[in-house]
Amino acid sequence: MFEFLISFIPRAVMQSIPLLYGSTGEILTEKSGNLNLGIPGIMYVGAISGVIGAFFYEQSAGGNLVPFFAITIPFLSSLLGSLLMGLLYCFLTVTLRANQNVTGLAMTTFGVGFGNFFGGSLIKLTGSEVPSIALSATSNFFRATLPFSENLGWFGQIFLSYGFLAYLAIIIALLTAFLLRKTRTGLHLRAVGESPATADAAGINVVRYKYLFTCLGSMIAGLGGLYYVMDYANGVWSNNAFGDRGWLAIALVIFTIWRPNVSVLASILFGGLYILYLYIPTGTQFAVKELYKMLPYVVTLFVLIIVSLRKKREDQPPASLGLHYFREER
C-alpha cells in the first residue's frame, strides 16, 4: 500500500498543477463578477504561446541554451498570450457588454483553434514526420528538481520531485487567498463581485477592477497550459492533447466554493481521481474506464447539491456573477 501511494501521489500532484493554475485564475475572475468559461481556451493559448517562445529561442541559440532565457522567454510568452486573451474577454464583456457565457465558450473554441493552427505550423517548420514537436532542451530546465531530492527517499519523491512551476502554483494560490481575505484590495474586489453598484457608490472603479483581475486571472490560468507542455508532457506539443483539464479547473472552482487555498489540496484530489482509472484493473472494458474519468465531475455535482441545500451565503458564488453592470441604472 505504501509503495502504491509513493507511486500514485506524485502523478496525482503533476495532474493537479494545471487544474490549480486554472482554478486560481478563474476564482480571481469570478470574484470580480465575470464568469469566464473561456479558461480552457486561455490555458491552450498560454501553452502554445510558451511553445512558440521556446521554439524560436532554441532555433536561435543553436543548442547553447542559457538557463535564464530558456525559462524566461517561454514564461513571458505564455503570460503575454494569456493576457491578450483576458483583454479580449474584458473588451467584449465589460466594454461592449456581450453575453459572458457565449463569449467564454467562443473564446474556448477560438483558443483551441489558435493553438492548433500555430502548433501545426511549427510542426511543419520542423519537417517532423509525427504530428508533434519536442522541446526537450527547454523542458529540462522547467522540470529540474532540487539536487538532493533523490537522496531523501519517499519524502523527496512525494514532496520535492517537481519543477518550479508546481511550487509556484501553490504559492500563487495561497497569495490569492490572502489577497481576497486579508487586504483592502481583496475587499474591494469582493465588493465589485457582490454588488458593483454599491462598490461604485463607495468610490471603487468597477471597470478597472474587472479588467485588472480578469486579465490577472487569465495570466495565471495560462501558466497551467505552460506547465502541462513544459513539465508534464516533457516539452512535447501535440494538437488537441490538452484534454478536458480546462473544464476540470472550472469544476474545481465550484468544488472549493471559491476558496483558492482549499484548491491546493482539492486539485490533488481531482488529479488523483482523473488518473484513478489507470490503477484500477478494468481489462478491455473501455466503457468502465470512461466512467472512472467522470469521477471529478460527479464529486463536483455532489458538492454543488450539498452547498445548495445548506444555503450559506459564504458558500455561494458572487451575487453579480455573470451579470453586466450599467452605471446609469445605479
Protein backbone atom coordinates (compact mmCIF):
# COMPACT_ATOMS: atom_id res chain seq x y z
CA MET A 1 0.00 0.00 0.00
CA PHE A 2 2.80 2.40 0.90
CA GLU A 3 4.59 1.72 -2.38
CA PHE A 4 1.33 2.39 -4.21
CA LEU A 5 0.99 5.78 -2.51
CA ILE A 6 4.59 6.70 -3.33
CA SER A 7 3.86 5.99 -6.98
CA PHE A 8 0.34 7.43 -7.07
CA ILE A 9 0.71 10.72 -5.17
CA PRO A 10 3.43 12.31 -7.39
CA ARG A 11 1.41 11.51 -10.51
CA ALA A 12 -1.72 12.96 -8.91
CA VAL A 13 0.19 16.12 -7.99
CA MET A 14 1.51 16.51 -11.54
CA GLN A 15 -2.04 16.16 -12.86
CA SER A 16 -3.26 18.70 -10.33
CA ILE A 17 -0.97 21.64 -11.17
CA PRO A 18 -2.74 22.73 -14.40
CA LEU A 19 -6.05 22.48 -12.52
CA LEU A 20 -4.69 24.59 -9.66
CA TYR A 21 -3.48 27.31 -12.02
CA GLY A 22 -6.77 27.33 -13.90
CA SER A 23 -8.98 27.35 -10.81
CA THR A 24 -6.96 30.08 -9.08
CA GLY A 25 -7.20 32.27 -12.17
CA GLU A 26 -10.92 31.62 -12.53
CA ILE A 27 -11.59 32.37 -8.85
CA LEU A 28 -9.95 35.79 -9.23
CA THR A 29 -12.01 36.39 -12.37
CA GLU A 30 -15.30 35.32 -10.81
CA LYS A 31 -14.68 37.37 -7.68
CA SER A 32 -14.82 40.42 -9.95
CA GLY A 33 -18.24 39.30 -11.21
CA ASN A 34 -17.02 37.94 -14.57
CA LEU A 35 -17.86 34.34 -15.46
CA ASN A 36 -15.10 33.31 -17.86
CA LEU A 37 -15.90 29.98 -19.49
CA GLY A 38 -13.02 30.66 -21.85
CA ILE A 39 -10.47 29.32 -19.34
CA PRO A 40 -9.83 26.12 -21.38
CA GLY A 41 -9.04 28.24 -24.44
CA ILE A 42 -6.89 30.64 -22.42
CA MET A 43 -4.87 27.75 -20.98
CA TYR A 44 -4.43 26.41 -24.52
CA VAL A 45 -3.21 29.80 -25.77
CA GLY A 46 -0.88 30.08 -22.77
CA ALA A 47 0.59 26.70 -23.69
CA ILE A 48 1.14 27.41 -27.38
CA SER A 49 2.50 30.90 -26.66
CA GLY A 50 5.13 29.38 -24.41
CA VAL A 51 5.89 26.75 -27.05
CA ILE A 52 6.34 29.44 -29.71
CA GLY A 53 8.74 31.39 -27.50
CA ALA A 54 10.73 28.26 -26.60
CA PHE A 55 10.83 27.06 -30.22
CA PHE A 56 12.30 30.25 -31.67
CA TYR A 57 14.75 30.62 -28.80
CA GLU A 58 16.01 27.05 -29.30
CA GLN A 59 16.34 27.72 -33.02
CA SER A 60 18.30 30.94 -32.50
CA ALA A 61 20.51 29.58 -29.70
CA GLY A 62 21.56 26.55 -31.74
CA GLY A 63 21.68 24.20 -28.78
CA ASN A 64 23.61 26.56 -26.46
CA LEU A 65 20.71 27.49 -24.23
CA VAL A 66 21.15 29.92 -21.36
CA PRO A 67 19.00 28.67 -18.45
CA PHE A 68 17.71 32.14 -17.59
CA PHE A 69 16.46 32.84 -21.13
CA ALA A 70 15.26 29.25 -21.67
CA ILE A 71 12.87 29.73 -18.74
CA THR A 72 12.08 33.44 -19.03
CA ILE A 73 11.19 33.59 -22.74
CA PRO A 74 8.52 30.82 -22.69
CA PHE A 75 7.28 32.09 -19.32
CA LEU A 76 6.78 35.67 -20.53
CA SER A 77 5.40 34.47 -23.87
CA SER A 78 2.78 32.41 -22.05
CA LEU A 79 1.83 35.36 -19.84
CA LEU A 80 1.56 37.67 -22.86
CA GLY A 81 -0.66 35.29 -24.84
CA SER A 82 -2.94 34.75 -21.83
CA LEU A 83 -3.05 38.48 -21.11
CA LEU A 84 -4.22 39.24 -24.64
CA MET A 85 -6.98 36.65 -24.27
CA GLY A 86 -8.02 38.23 -20.97
CA LEU A 87 -8.08 41.70 -22.56
CA LEU A 88 -10.19 40.38 -25.42
CA TYR A 89 -12.67 38.85 -22.99
CA CYS A 90 -12.88 42.07 -20.96
CA PHE A 91 -13.32 44.22 -24.06
CA LEU A 92 -16.21 42.05 -25.25
CA THR A 93 -17.97 41.57 -21.92
CA VAL A 94 -17.14 44.67 -19.87
CA THR A 95 -16.83 47.36 -22.54
CA LEU A 96 -19.20 46.01 -25.20
CA ARG A 97 -21.35 44.11 -22.65
CA ALA A 98 -21.57 40.94 -24.70
CA ASN A 99 -23.09 37.85 -23.09
CA GLN A 100 -20.45 36.34 -20.81
CA ASN A 101 -21.45 32.72 -21.33
CA VAL A 102 -21.43 32.96 -25.11
CA THR A 103 -18.20 34.97 -25.12
CA GLY A 104 -16.43 32.46 -22.88
CA LEU A 105 -17.47 29.48 -24.98
CA ALA A 106 -16.46 31.31 -28.16
CA MET A 107 -13.05 32.08 -26.65
CA THR A 108 -12.55 28.43 -25.76
CA THR A 109 -13.23 27.47 -29.38
CA PHE A 110 -11.00 30.29 -30.62
CA GLY A 111 -8.18 29.39 -28.21
CA VAL A 112 -8.12 25.74 -29.26
CA GLY A 113 -8.19 26.71 -32.93
CA PHE A 114 -5.44 29.28 -32.37
CA GLY A 115 -3.26 26.72 -30.63
CA ASN A 116 -3.83 24.02 -33.23
CA PHE A 117 -3.08 26.41 -36.10
CA PHE A 118 0.23 27.65 -34.73
CA GLY A 119 1.11 24.23 -33.32
CA GLY A 120 0.58 22.69 -36.74
CA SER A 121 2.63 25.47 -38.33
CA LEU A 122 5.57 24.82 -36.01
CA ILE A 123 5.38 21.10 -36.72
CA LYS A 124 5.59 21.84 -40.47
CA LEU A 125 8.59 24.13 -39.89
CA THR A 126 10.48 21.29 -38.22
CA GLY A 127 9.59 18.85 -41.00
CA SER A 128 8.64 16.27 -38.38
CA GLU A 129 7.12 13.02 -39.61
CA VAL A 130 4.98 12.76 -36.45
CA PRO A 131 2.25 15.30 -35.55
CA SER A 132 4.16 16.76 -32.59
CA ILE A 133 7.06 19.00 -31.73
CA ALA A 134 9.58 18.25 -28.96
CA LEU A 135 11.29 20.99 -26.95
CA SER A 136 13.23 18.67 -24.67
CA ALA A 137 16.12 21.07 -24.01
CA THR A 138 13.79 23.78 -22.70
CA SER A 139 11.68 21.25 -20.83
CA ASN A 140 14.70 20.05 -18.88
CA PHE A 141 15.05 23.47 -17.27
CA PHE A 142 11.37 23.57 -16.30
CA ARG A 143 11.47 20.03 -14.91
CA ALA A 144 14.69 20.47 -12.92
CA THR A 145 14.31 19.48 -9.25
CA LEU A 146 16.39 20.10 -6.15
CA PRO A 147 19.68 18.18 -6.47
CA PHE A 148 19.32 16.47 -3.10
CA SER A 149 15.69 15.36 -3.53
CA GLU A 150 16.66 11.91 -4.80
CA ASN A 151 18.61 11.23 -1.60
CA LEU A 152 15.58 11.76 0.67
CA GLY A 153 13.69 8.58 -0.23
CA TRP A 154 9.90 8.68 -0.14
CA PHE A 155 9.85 12.21 1.30
CA GLY A 156 11.81 13.59 -1.61
CA GLN A 157 9.73 11.66 -4.13
CA ILE A 158 6.41 12.89 -2.75
CA PHE A 159 7.28 16.49 -1.85
CA LEU A 160 10.42 17.55 -3.75
CA SER A 161 10.29 15.81 -7.12
CA TYR A 162 8.59 18.59 -9.11
CA GLY A 163 9.66 21.52 -11.24
CA PHE A 164 9.47 25.11 -10.01
CA LEU A 165 6.11 25.76 -11.71
CA ALA A 166 4.45 23.27 -9.35
CA TYR A 167 5.59 25.16 -6.27
CA LEU A 168 4.78 28.49 -7.92
CA ALA A 169 1.18 27.31 -8.41
CA ILE A 170 0.84 26.63 -4.67
CA ILE A 171 2.40 29.98 -3.76
CA ILE A 172 0.08 31.87 -6.13
CA ALA A 173 -2.99 30.06 -4.74
CA LEU A 174 -2.05 30.92 -1.14
CA LEU A 175 -1.23 34.53 -2.02
CA THR A 176 -4.56 34.82 -3.82
CA ALA A 177 -6.37 33.55 -0.72
CA PHE A 178 -4.50 36.10 1.40
CA LEU A 179 -5.32 38.88 -1.08
CA LEU A 180 -9.03 38.09 -1.08
CA ARG A 181 -9.41 37.77 2.68
CA LYS A 182 -6.81 39.99 4.32
CA THR A 183 -6.26 43.04 2.11
CA ARG A 184 -8.21 46.16 1.21
CA THR A 185 -7.79 45.35 -2.49
CA GLY A 186 -9.39 41.95 -1.91
CA LEU A 187 -12.26 43.60 -0.03
CA HIS A 188 -12.84 45.97 -2.94
CA LEU A 189 -12.69 43.08 -5.40
CA ARG A 190 -15.26 41.07 -3.48
CA ALA A 191 -17.47 44.17 -3.24
CA VAL A 192 -17.33 44.55 -7.03
CA GLY A 193 -18.37 40.92 -7.44
CA GLU A 194 -21.17 41.08 -4.90
CA SER A 195 -22.69 44.48 -5.71
CA PRO A 196 -20.96 46.63 -8.31
CA ALA A 197 -23.48 49.45 -7.80
CA THR A 198 -22.64 49.64 -4.09
CA ALA A 199 -18.92 49.42 -4.84
CA ASP A 200 -19.26 52.21 -7.41
CA ALA A 201 -21.12 54.38 -4.91
CA ALA A 202 -18.26 53.83 -2.46
CA GLY A 203 -15.76 55.20 -4.99
CA ILE A 204 -14.39 51.90 -6.29
CA ASN A 205 -13.63 51.85 -10.02
CA VAL A 206 -15.69 48.83 -11.08
CA VAL A 207 -14.43 48.67 -14.66
CA ARG A 208 -10.80 48.87 -13.57
CA TYR A 209 -11.21 46.04 -11.09
CA LYS A 210 -13.00 43.86 -13.63
CA TYR A 211 -10.30 44.43 -16.24
CA LEU A 212 -7.38 44.07 -13.84
CA PHE A 213 -8.38 40.86 -12.11
CA THR A 214 -9.89 39.16 -15.14
CA CYS A 215 -6.61 39.73 -17.00
CA LEU A 216 -4.57 38.66 -13.97
CA GLY A 217 -6.71 35.53 -13.64
CA SER A 218 -6.20 34.77 -17.32
CA MET A 219 -2.43 35.07 -16.98
CA ILE A 220 -2.42 32.69 -14.02
CA ALA A 221 -4.59 30.20 -15.91
CA GLY A 222 -2.27 30.42 -18.92
CA LEU A 223 0.62 29.20 -16.77
CA GLY A 224 -1.34 25.98 -16.30
CA GLY A 225 -1.05 25.35 -20.01
CA LEU A 226 2.66 26.15 -19.95
CA TYR A 227 3.18 23.69 -17.09
CA TYR A 228 1.34 20.95 -18.94
CA VAL A 229 3.57 21.21 -22.01
CA MET A 230 6.94 22.03 -20.47
CA ASP A 231 6.76 19.87 -17.37
CA TYR A 232 4.04 17.23 -17.52
CA ALA A 233 4.41 16.47 -21.26
CA ASN A 234 8.22 16.79 -21.23
CA GLY A 235 8.16 19.64 -23.74
CA VAL A 236 6.13 17.76 -26.36
CA TRP A 237 3.34 19.69 -28.08
CA SER A 238 0.60 17.77 -29.87
CA ASN A 239 -2.60 19.34 -31.13
CA ASN A 240 -5.67 18.55 -29.02
CA ALA A 241 -3.57 16.79 -26.38
CA PHE A 242 -4.64 19.05 -23.50
CA GLY A 243 -7.86 17.14 -22.88
CA ASP A 244 -10.59 18.46 -20.61
CA ARG A 245 -8.29 19.94 -17.97
CA GLY A 246 -9.63 23.44 -18.55
CA TRP A 247 -13.17 22.33 -17.77
CA LEU A 248 -11.93 20.43 -14.71
CA ALA A 249 -10.35 23.67 -13.48
CA ILE A 250 -13.73 25.40 -13.70
CA ALA A 251 -15.37 22.48 -11.88
CA LEU A 252 -12.70 22.80 -9.20
CA VAL A 253 -13.78 26.40 -8.57
CA ILE A 254 -17.25 25.17 -7.62
CA PHE A 255 -15.86 22.25 -5.63
CA THR A 256 -13.70 24.56 -3.48
CA ILE A 257 -16.51 27.10 -3.01
CA TRP A 258 -14.39 29.90 -4.47
CA ARG A 259 -11.50 29.46 -1.99
CA PRO A 260 -8.06 29.26 -3.64
CA ASN A 261 -6.33 27.94 -0.51
CA VAL A 262 -8.68 24.94 -0.49
CA SER A 263 -7.83 24.41 -4.16
CA VAL A 264 -4.29 23.32 -3.25
CA LEU A 265 -5.47 20.04 -1.72
CA ALA A 266 -8.67 19.76 -3.77
CA SER A 267 -6.69 19.93 -7.02
CA ILE A 268 -4.60 16.96 -5.87
CA LEU A 269 -7.84 15.09 -5.15
CA PHE A 270 -9.09 15.92 -8.64
CA GLY A 271 -5.75 14.93 -10.14
CA GLY A 272 -5.91 11.61 -8.33
CA LEU A 273 -9.48 10.95 -9.45
CA TYR A 274 -8.50 11.88 -13.00
CA ILE A 275 -5.86 9.16 -13.22
CA LEU A 276 -7.52 6.63 -10.93
CA TYR A 277 -8.69 4.56 -13.90
CA LEU A 278 -5.05 3.78 -14.68
CA TYR A 279 -4.70 1.97 -11.34
CA ILE A 280 -7.99 0.07 -11.36
CA PRO A 281 -7.92 -3.14 -13.43
CA THR A 282 -10.74 -3.00 -15.99
CA GLY A 283 -9.33 -5.23 -18.71
CA THR A 284 -10.73 -4.39 -22.10
CA GLN A 285 -13.84 -2.70 -20.70
CA PHE A 286 -13.12 0.77 -22.06
CA ALA A 287 -16.59 2.00 -21.12
CA VAL A 288 -15.78 1.40 -17.45
CA LYS A 289 -12.59 3.45 -17.79
CA GLU A 290 -14.58 6.33 -19.19
CA LEU A 291 -16.92 6.12 -16.20
CA TYR A 292 -13.95 6.42 -13.84
CA LYS A 293 -12.86 9.56 -15.73
CA MET A 294 -16.19 11.12 -14.78
CA LEU A 295 -15.41 10.93 -11.04
CA PRO A 296 -14.18 14.56 -10.63
CA TYR A 297 -17.37 15.87 -12.22
CA VAL A 298 -19.57 13.56 -10.17
CA VAL A 299 -17.88 14.72 -6.95
CA THR A 300 -18.40 18.35 -8.02
CA LEU A 301 -22.10 17.70 -8.60
CA PHE A 302 -22.45 16.25 -5.10
CA VAL A 303 -20.71 19.27 -3.58
CA LEU A 304 -22.92 21.61 -5.60
CA ILE A 305 -26.04 19.84 -4.33
CA ILE A 306 -24.85 19.96 -0.71
CA VAL A 307 -23.91 23.64 -0.94
CA SER A 308 -27.28 24.46 -2.50
CA LEU A 309 -29.12 22.67 0.31
CA ARG A 310 -27.11 24.40 3.04
CA LYS A 311 -27.82 27.84 1.54
CA LYS A 312 -24.98 29.51 3.44
CA ARG A 313 -24.14 32.87 1.89
CA GLU A 314 -20.38 32.39 2.24
CA ASP A 315 -20.65 29.19 0.17
CA GLN A 316 -22.43 30.87 -2.75
CA PRO A 317 -20.87 32.46 -5.85
CA PRO A 318 -20.57 36.27 -6.08
CA ALA A 319 -24.06 37.75 -6.33
CA SER A 320 -23.36 39.62 -9.58
CA LEU A 321 -21.53 36.75 -11.27
CA GLY A 322 -22.25 36.76 -15.00
CA LEU A 323 -24.27 40.00 -14.83
CA HIS A 324 -23.42 43.24 -16.61
CA TYR A 325 -23.13 46.49 -14.69
CA PHE A 326 -24.82 49.58 -16.09
CA ARG A 327 -23.78 52.62 -14.13
CA GLU A 328 -26.75 54.56 -15.45
CA GLU A 329 -29.09 52.14 -13.63
CA ARG A 330 -27.42 52.63 -10.27
